[in-house]
């Protein structure tokens, strides 16, 4: 069966159930496990992967929004350490997607806009509950002046770890 990928169709029906079913079909025990298995993939890439499979009988696509909602629900029950890990992973994904060539060499208006866009997408992913923590991490990251071309390749990245030192546990 071919997936229907027309824009807007992901809003029809029960997208969260579609997302859960497709994630389960990948063999992962949870949405968090599915996302963590590909540590630098953007959420858009993961959604494309899930929409490209024919693991269910529902041809309608899912959206990044569905994945975000399920991920937040999944980790919010698991405690502060898992929430912090989700926040780090979500920032890696946003930076990978919106700063594909890495941290800018020069902080021009365009570069600042790209960073702000990545941070906004990140905050949208982790949700309002952790917005203030995210703002502090964002300030710490910018203040650390990452080297030109820097792009975290894992959650253990040194620059990322220093920025997240302000995230309360």
C-alpha atoms as a PDB file:
ATOM      1  CA  UNK A   1       0.000   0.000   0.000  1.00  0.00           C
ATOM      2  CA  UNK A   2       1.282   3.488  -0.790  1.00  0.00           C
ATOM      3  CA  UNK A   3       1.275   6.109   1.928  1.00  0.00           C
ATOM      4  CA  UNK A   4      -0.869   9.146   1.305  1.00  0.00           C
ATOM      5  CA  UNK A   5       1.367  12.135   1.934  1.00  0.00           C
ATOM      6  CA  UNK A   6      -0.817  15.084   1.019  1.00  0.00           C
ATOM      7  CA  UNK A   7      -0.363  17.977   3.391  1.00  0.00           C
ATOM      8  CA  UNK A   8      -2.970  18.179   6.141  1.00  0.00           C
ATOM      9  CA  UNK A   9      -4.053  14.538   6.073  1.00  0.00           C
ATOM     10  CA  UNK A  10      -2.023  13.815   9.216  1.00  0.00           C
ATOM     11  CA  UNK A  11      -4.600  15.872  11.099  1.00  0.00           C
ATOM     12  CA  UNK A  12      -7.417  13.498  10.169  1.00  0.00           C
ATOM     13  CA  UNK A  13      -8.336  10.528  12.311  1.00  0.00           C
ATOM     14  CA  UNK A  14      -6.300   9.512  15.325  1.00  0.00           C
ATOM     15  CA  UNK A  15      -2.725  10.469  14.523  1.00  0.00           C
ATOM     16  CA  UNK A  16      -1.465   9.579  17.991  1.00  0.00           C
ATOM     17  CA  UNK A  17      -2.721   6.015  17.620  1.00  0.00           C
ATOM     18  CA  UNK A  18      -1.158   5.797  14.143  1.00  0.00           C
ATOM     19  CA  UNK A  19       2.141   7.014  15.581  1.00  0.00           C
ATOM     20  CA  UNK A  20       2.016   4.535  18.493  1.00  0.00           C
ATOM     21  CA  UNK A  21       1.252   1.656  16.123  1.00  0.00           C
ATOM     22  CA  UNK A  22       4.024   2.550  13.713  1.00  0.00           C
ATOM     23  CA  UNK A  23       6.562   2.955  16.506  1.00  0.00           C
ATOM     24  CA  UNK A  24       5.542  -0.421  17.953  1.00  0.00           C
ATOM     25  CA  UNK A  25       6.001  -1.961  14.496  1.00  0.00           C
ATOM     26  CA  UNK A  26       9.635  -0.781  14.502  1.00  0.00           C
ATOM     27  CA  UNK A  27      10.241  -3.107  17.456  1.00  0.00           C
ATOM     28  CA  UNK A  28      10.918  -0.340  19.976  1.00  0.00           C
ATOM     29  CA  UNK A  29       9.299  -0.531  23.387  1.00  0.00           C
ATOM     30  CA  UNK A  30       8.423   3.172  23.509  1.00  0.00           C
ATOM     31  CA  UNK A  31       8.542   6.400  21.551  1.00  0.00           C
ATOM     32  CA  UNK A  32      11.535   7.418  23.677  1.00  0.00           C
ATOM     33  CA  UNK A  33      13.393   4.227  22.740  1.00  0.00           C
ATOM     34  CA  UNK A  34      12.581   4.798  19.061  1.00  0.00           C
ATOM     35  CA  UNK A  35      13.881   8.377  19.136  1.00  0.00           C
ATOM     36  CA  UNK A  36      16.973   7.561  21.211  1.00  0.00           C
ATOM     37  CA  UNK A  37      17.905   4.780  18.772  1.00  0.00           C
ATOM     38  CA  UNK A  38      18.775   7.427  16.183  1.00  0.00           C
ATOM     39  CA  UNK A  39      20.567  10.004  18.319  1.00  0.00           C
ATOM     40  CA  UNK A  40      21.060  12.763  15.758  1.00  0.00           C
ATOM     41  CA  UNK A  41      18.044  12.308  13.480  1.00  0.00           C
ATOM     42  CA  UNK A  42      15.601  15.191  13.427  1.00  0.00           C
ATOM     43  CA  UNK A  43      12.014  14.525  14.423  1.00  0.00           C
ATOM     44  CA  UNK A  44      11.012  15.342  10.837  1.00  0.00           C
ATOM     45  CA  UNK A  45      13.347  12.589   9.595  1.00  0.00           C
ATOM     46  CA  UNK A  46      11.878  10.129  12.102  1.00  0.00           C
ATOM     47  CA  UNK A  47       8.333  11.017  11.049  1.00  0.00           C
ATOM     48  CA  UNK A  48       9.290  10.545   7.398  1.00  0.00           C
ATOM     49  CA  UNK A  49      10.660   7.123   8.309  1.00  0.00           C
ATOM     50  CA  UNK A  50       7.458   6.166  10.112  1.00  0.00           C
ATOM     51  CA  UNK A  51       5.290   7.471   7.274  1.00  0.00           C
ATOM     52  CA  UNK A  52       7.301   5.528   4.690  1.00  0.00           C
ATOM     53  CA  UNK A  53       6.490   2.171   6.271  1.00  0.00           C
ATOM     54  CA  UNK A  54       3.433   0.102   5.591  1.00  0.00           C
ATOM     55  CA  UNK A  55       3.199  -1.274   9.082  1.00  0.00           C
ATOM     56  CA  UNK A  56      -0.500  -0.597   9.517  1.00  0.00           C
ATOM     57  CA  UNK A  57      -3.667  -0.427   7.474  1.00  0.00           C
ATOM     58  CA  UNK A  58      -4.058   3.332   7.886  1.00  0.00           C
ATOM     59  CA  UNK A  59      -2.556   5.183   4.910  1.00  0.00           C
ATOM     60  CA  UNK A  60      -2.788   8.585   6.590  1.00  0.00           C
ATOM     61  CA  UNK A  61       0.502  10.143   7.672  1.00  0.00           C
ATOM     62  CA  UNK A  62       1.549  11.218  11.133  1.00  0.00           C
ATOM     63  CA  UNK A  63       3.115  14.596  11.914  1.00  0.00           C
ATOM     64  CA  UNK A  64       6.018  15.882  13.971  1.00  0.00           C
ATOM     65  CA  UNK A  65       3.391  17.186  16.374  1.00  0.00           C
ATOM     66  CA  UNK A  66       2.187  13.621  17.035  1.00  0.00           C
ATOM     67  CA  UNK A  67       5.724  12.454  17.761  1.00  0.00           C
ATOM     68  CA  UNK A  68       6.348  15.429  20.074  1.00  0.00           C
ATOM     69  CA  UNK A  69       3.165  14.796  22.067  1.00  0.00           C
ATOM     70  CA  UNK A  70       3.877  11.087  22.494  1.00  0.00           C
ATOM     71  CA  UNK A  71       7.499  11.723  23.459  1.00  0.00           C
ATOM     72  CA  UNK A  72       6.578  14.305  26.101  1.00  0.00           C
ATOM     73  CA  UNK A  73       3.887  11.985  27.515  1.00  0.00           C
ATOM     74  CA  UNK A  74       6.330   9.084  27.569  1.00  0.00           C
ATOM     75  CA  UNK A  75       9.161  10.826  29.410  1.00  0.00           C
ATOM     76  CA  UNK A  76       7.102  13.015  31.754  1.00  0.00           C
ATOM     77  CA  UNK A  77       6.241   9.921  33.775  1.00  0.00           C
ATOM     78  CA  UNK A  78       9.858   8.779  34.044  1.00  0.00           C
ATOM     79  CA  UNK A  79      11.415  11.471  36.197  1.00  0.00           C
ATOM     80  CA  UNK A  80      13.778  14.415  35.920  1.00  0.00           C
ATOM     81  CA  UNK A  81      16.813  12.554  34.566  1.00  0.00           C
ATOM     82  CA  UNK A  82      14.840  11.180  31.624  1.00  0.00           C
ATOM     83  CA  UNK A  83      13.245  14.577  31.003  1.00  0.00           C
ATOM     84  CA  UNK A  84      16.695  16.170  30.890  1.00  0.00           C
ATOM     85  CA  UNK A  85      17.892  13.464  28.471  1.00  0.00           C
ATOM     86  CA  UNK A  86      14.842  14.131  26.277  1.00  0.00           C
ATOM     87  CA  UNK A  87      15.605  17.846  26.326  1.00  0.00           C
ATOM     88  CA  UNK A  88      19.220  17.210  25.294  1.00  0.00           C
ATOM     89  CA  UNK A  89      18.151  14.826  22.542  1.00  0.00           C
ATOM     90  CA  UNK A  90      15.541  17.283  21.273  1.00  0.00           C
ATOM     91  CA  UNK A  91      18.123  20.079  21.122  1.00  0.00           C
ATOM     92  CA  UNK A  92      20.505  17.847  19.176  1.00  0.00           C
ATOM     93  CA  UNK A  93      17.696  17.128  16.693  1.00  0.00           C
ATOM     94  CA  UNK A  94      16.801  20.802  16.279  1.00  0.00           C
ATOM     95  CA  UNK A  95      20.409  21.850  15.785  1.00  0.00           C
ATOM     96  CA  UNK A  96      21.025  19.025  13.305  1.00  0.00           C
ATOM     97  CA  UNK A  97      17.962  20.031  11.299  1.00  0.00           C
ATOM     98  CA  UNK A  98      18.250  23.815  11.371  1.00  0.00           C
ATOM     99  CA  UNK A  99      22.033  24.336  11.591  1.00  0.00           C
ATOM    100  CA  UNK A 100      23.181  21.526   9.269  1.00  0.00           C
ATOM    101  CA  UNK A 101      26.585  23.160   8.675  1.00  0.00           C
ATOM    102  CA  UNK A 102      27.095  23.666  12.388  1.00  0.00           C
ATOM    103  CA  UNK A 103      27.471  26.674  14.630  1.00  0.00           C
ATOM    104  CA  UNK A 104      28.010  29.821  12.582  1.00  0.00           C
ATOM    105  CA  UNK A 105      31.485  31.251  12.083  1.00  0.00           C
ATOM    106  CA  UNK A 106      30.176  34.788  12.449  1.00  0.00           C
ATOM    107  CA  UNK A 107      27.084  35.860  14.392  1.00  0.00           C
ATOM    108  CA  UNK A 108      25.225  37.706  11.630  1.00  0.00           C
ATOM    109  CA  UNK A 109      21.515  38.469  11.701  1.00  0.00           C
ATOM    110  CA  UNK A 110      20.879  35.372   9.573  1.00  0.00           C
ATOM    111  CA  UNK A 111      22.970  33.203  11.889  1.00  0.00           C
ATOM    112  CA  UNK A 112      21.187  34.574  14.960  1.00  0.00           C
ATOM    113  CA  UNK A 113      17.843  33.905  13.299  1.00  0.00           C
ATOM    114  CA  UNK A 114      18.826  30.298  12.508  1.00  0.00           C
ATOM    115  CA  UNK A 115      19.882  29.719  16.112  1.00  0.00           C
ATOM    116  CA  UNK A 116      16.680  31.317  17.420  1.00  0.00           C
ATOM    117  CA  UNK A 117      14.642  29.128  15.073  1.00  0.00           C
ATOM    118  CA  UNK A 118      16.420  25.982  16.296  1.00  0.00           C
ATOM    119  CA  UNK A 119      15.873  26.981  19.935  1.00  0.00           C
ATOM    120  CA  UNK A 120      12.192  27.786  19.270  1.00  0.00           C
ATOM    121  CA  UNK A 121      11.686  24.414  17.622  1.00  0.00           C
ATOM    122  CA  UNK A 122      13.444  22.762  20.549  1.00  0.00           C
ATOM    123  CA  UNK A 123      11.230  24.501  23.105  1.00  0.00           C
ATOM    124  CA  UNK A 124       8.174  23.527  21.075  1.00  0.00           C
ATOM    125  CA  UNK A 125       9.319  19.921  21.244  1.00  0.00           C
ATOM    126  CA  UNK A 126       9.984  19.766  24.975  1.00  0.00           C
ATOM    127  CA  UNK A 127       6.911  21.812  25.885  1.00  0.00           C
ATOM    128  CA  UNK A 128       5.934  24.751  28.035  1.00  0.00           C
ATOM    129  CA  UNK A 129       6.545  22.948  31.303  1.00  0.00           C
ATOM    130  CA  UNK A 130      10.313  23.113  30.741  1.00  0.00           C
ATOM    131  CA  UNK A 131      10.424  26.430  28.853  1.00  0.00           C
ATOM    132  CA  UNK A 132      12.312  28.321  31.587  1.00  0.00           C
ATOM    133  CA  UNK A 133      14.918  25.562  31.875  1.00  0.00           C
ATOM    134  CA  UNK A 134      15.309  25.678  28.106  1.00  0.00           C
ATOM    135  CA  UNK A 135      15.844  29.432  28.131  1.00  0.00           C
ATOM    136  CA  UNK A 136      18.626  29.025  30.691  1.00  0.00           C
ATOM    137  CA  UNK A 137      20.282  26.301  28.616  1.00  0.00           C
ATOM    138  CA  UNK A 138      19.981  28.458  25.516  1.00  0.00           C
ATOM    139  CA  UNK A 139      21.660  31.386  27.291  1.00  0.00           C
ATOM    140  CA  UNK A 140      24.413  29.096  28.567  1.00  0.00           C
ATOM    141  CA  UNK A 141      24.952  27.634  25.099  1.00  0.00           C
ATOM    142  CA  UNK A 142      25.217  31.032  23.436  1.00  0.00           C
ATOM    143  CA  UNK A 143      27.431  32.284  26.267  1.00  0.00           C
ATOM    144  CA  UNK A 144      29.807  29.354  25.814  1.00  0.00           C
ATOM    145  CA  UNK A 145      30.498  30.512  22.246  1.00  0.00           C
ATOM    146  CA  UNK A 146      30.658  27.098  20.567  1.00  0.00           C
ATOM    147  CA  UNK A 147      33.424  26.797  17.997  1.00  0.00           C
ATOM    148  CA  UNK A 148      32.519  27.478  14.355  1.00  0.00           C
ATOM    149  CA  UNK A 149      31.018  24.385  12.766  1.00  0.00           C
ATOM    150  CA  UNK A 150      30.141  22.805  16.122  1.00  0.00           C
ATOM    151  CA  UNK A 151      27.219  20.424  15.920  1.00  0.00           C
ATOM    152  CA  UNK A 152      26.573  17.881  18.681  1.00  0.00           C
ATOM    153  CA  UNK A 153      26.869  14.292  17.517  1.00  0.00           C
ATOM    154  CA  UNK A 154      25.675  12.759  20.778  1.00  0.00           C
ATOM    155  CA  UNK A 155      24.140  13.586  24.129  1.00  0.00           C
ATOM    156  CA  UNK A 156      27.612  13.370  25.664  1.00  0.00           C
ATOM    157  CA  UNK A 157      28.945  16.267  23.594  1.00  0.00           C
ATOM    158  CA  UNK A 158      31.146  18.466  25.805  1.00  0.00           C
ATOM    159  CA  UNK A 159      29.624  21.819  24.743  1.00  0.00           C
ATOM    160  CA  UNK A 160      26.104  20.442  25.156  1.00  0.00           C
ATOM    161  CA  UNK A 161      26.915  18.973  28.563  1.00  0.00           C
ATOM    162  CA  UNK A 162      28.291  22.314  29.812  1.00  0.00           C
ATOM    163  CA  UNK A 163      25.199  24.174  28.579  1.00  0.00           C
ATOM    164  CA  UNK A 164      22.913  21.679  30.313  1.00  0.00           C
ATOM    165  CA  UNK A 165      24.714  22.122  33.631  1.00  0.00           C
ATOM    166  CA  UNK A 166      22.150  24.872  34.343  1.00  0.00           C
ATOM    167  CA  UNK A 167      19.230  22.452  33.891  1.00  0.00           C
ATOM    168  CA  UNK A 168      17.927  21.661  37.393  1.00  0.00           C
ATOM    169  CA  UNK A 169      17.499  18.054  38.452  1.00  0.00           C
END
